[in-house]
Amino acid sequence: YIANLVGPEYVGLGFDFAYEDEEDYDYYGYDPRYIPRPPWIWPQGITGYADAKNISSALKSSGFNQEEIIGILGENFLKVFEKIWGK
């Protein structure tokens, strides 16, 4: 959706997975305005770090080309970091 809205060069995926339960949610003081209460639901085929390998093929089957996929998987973040911090 976001790639169609603004372009794939402005999309990046964060690979942070949270395994906390409701008790951890309260302990760490998550703010429900920004992070909903567990249980958290992940996209089909992505249940943790080991499944990250499935993302490339899913992006390809969704019509993204290799350059766009590389950007979405991290290169777009590097471009932002370089623009902010320089080389």
Protein backbone atom coordinates (compact mmCIF):
# COMPACT_ATOMS: atom_id res chain seq x y z
CA TYR A 1 0.00 0.00 0.00
CA ILE A 2 2.70 2.48 1.02
CA ALA A 3 4.83 1.65 -2.03
CA ASN A 4 1.85 2.40 -4.28
CA LEU A 5 1.16 5.60 -2.38
CA VAL A 6 4.65 7.16 -2.28
CA GLY A 7 6.90 4.80 -4.25
CA PRO A 8 9.00 1.80 -3.23
CA GLU A 9 12.11 3.97 -2.83
CA TYR A 10 10.48 5.37 0.35
CA VAL A 11 9.66 2.02 1.94
CA GLY A 12 11.79 0.04 4.37
CA LEU A 13 11.04 -2.97 6.51
CA GLY A 14 12.19 -3.18 10.11
CA PHE A 15 13.06 -6.67 11.24
CA ASP A 16 12.24 -6.21 14.88
CA PHE A 17 10.06 -8.95 16.27
CA ALA A 18 8.50 -8.70 19.70
CA TYR A 19 7.86 -11.87 21.66
CA GLU A 20 6.51 -10.16 24.77
CA ASP A 21 3.22 -11.17 26.29
CA GLU A 22 0.67 -8.97 28.09
CA GLU A 23 2.61 -9.13 31.36
CA ASP A 24 5.77 -7.89 29.59
CA TYR A 25 3.71 -5.20 27.85
CA ASP A 26 2.66 -3.79 31.21
CA TYR A 27 6.12 -4.22 32.75
CA TYR A 28 7.87 -2.32 29.93
CA GLY A 29 5.17 0.35 29.85
CA TYR A 30 4.23 0.20 26.18
CA ASP A 31 1.94 3.04 25.20
CA PRO A 32 -1.28 1.70 23.61
CA ARG A 33 -1.56 4.87 21.52
CA TYR A 34 1.45 3.63 19.52
CA ILE A 35 1.71 -0.11 20.15
CA PRO A 36 -1.42 -2.25 20.53
CA ARG A 37 -1.69 -4.82 23.31
CA PRO A 38 -0.62 -8.40 22.52
CA PRO A 39 -1.17 -10.87 21.06
CA TRP A 40 0.54 -9.44 18.02
CA ILE A 41 -0.20 -10.91 14.62
CA TRP A 42 2.51 -11.30 11.98
CA PRO A 43 2.00 -11.66 8.23
CA GLN A 44 1.41 -15.20 7.01
CA GLY A 45 4.75 -16.98 6.58
CA ILE A 46 6.62 -14.53 8.85
CA THR A 47 6.66 -15.76 12.44
CA GLY A 48 10.17 -14.70 13.43
CA TYR A 49 13.67 -13.94 12.21
CA ALA A 50 14.13 -17.33 10.57
CA ASP A 51 11.25 -16.57 8.21
CA ALA A 52 12.70 -13.28 6.97
CA LYS A 53 14.00 -15.19 3.93
CA ASN A 54 10.38 -15.41 2.72
CA ILE A 55 10.09 -11.65 2.28
CA SER A 56 12.11 -11.35 -0.95
CA SER A 57 10.04 -13.92 -2.81
CA ALA A 58 6.80 -12.38 -1.52
CA LEU A 59 7.89 -8.93 -2.72
CA LYS A 60 8.91 -10.38 -6.10
CA SER A 61 5.56 -12.14 -6.51
CA SER A 62 3.88 -8.83 -5.63
CA GLY A 63 5.54 -7.22 -8.66
CA PHE A 64 8.60 -5.50 -7.18
CA ASN A 65 11.80 -5.68 -9.21
CA GLN A 66 15.20 -6.65 -7.77
CA GLU A 67 16.35 -3.04 -7.23
CA GLU A 68 13.13 -2.18 -5.39
CA ILE A 69 13.40 -5.30 -3.23
CA ILE A 70 16.98 -4.49 -2.25
CA GLY A 71 15.85 -1.00 -1.32
CA ILE A 72 12.90 -2.19 0.75
CA LEU A 73 15.07 -4.73 2.57
CA GLY A 74 17.56 -2.12 3.73
CA GLU A 75 19.19 0.02 1.08
CA ASN A 76 16.52 2.70 1.39
CA PHE A 77 17.45 3.07 5.07
CA LEU A 78 21.12 3.43 4.11
CA LYS A 79 20.22 6.25 1.71
CA VAL A 80 18.40 8.09 4.49
CA PHE A 81 21.29 7.57 6.93
CA GLU A 82 23.78 8.87 4.37
CA LYS A 83 21.62 11.93 3.70
CA ILE A 84 21.36 12.68 7.43
CA TRP A 85 24.89 11.81 8.56
CA GLY A 86 26.86 12.11 5.35
CA LYS A 87 29.37 9.62 4.02
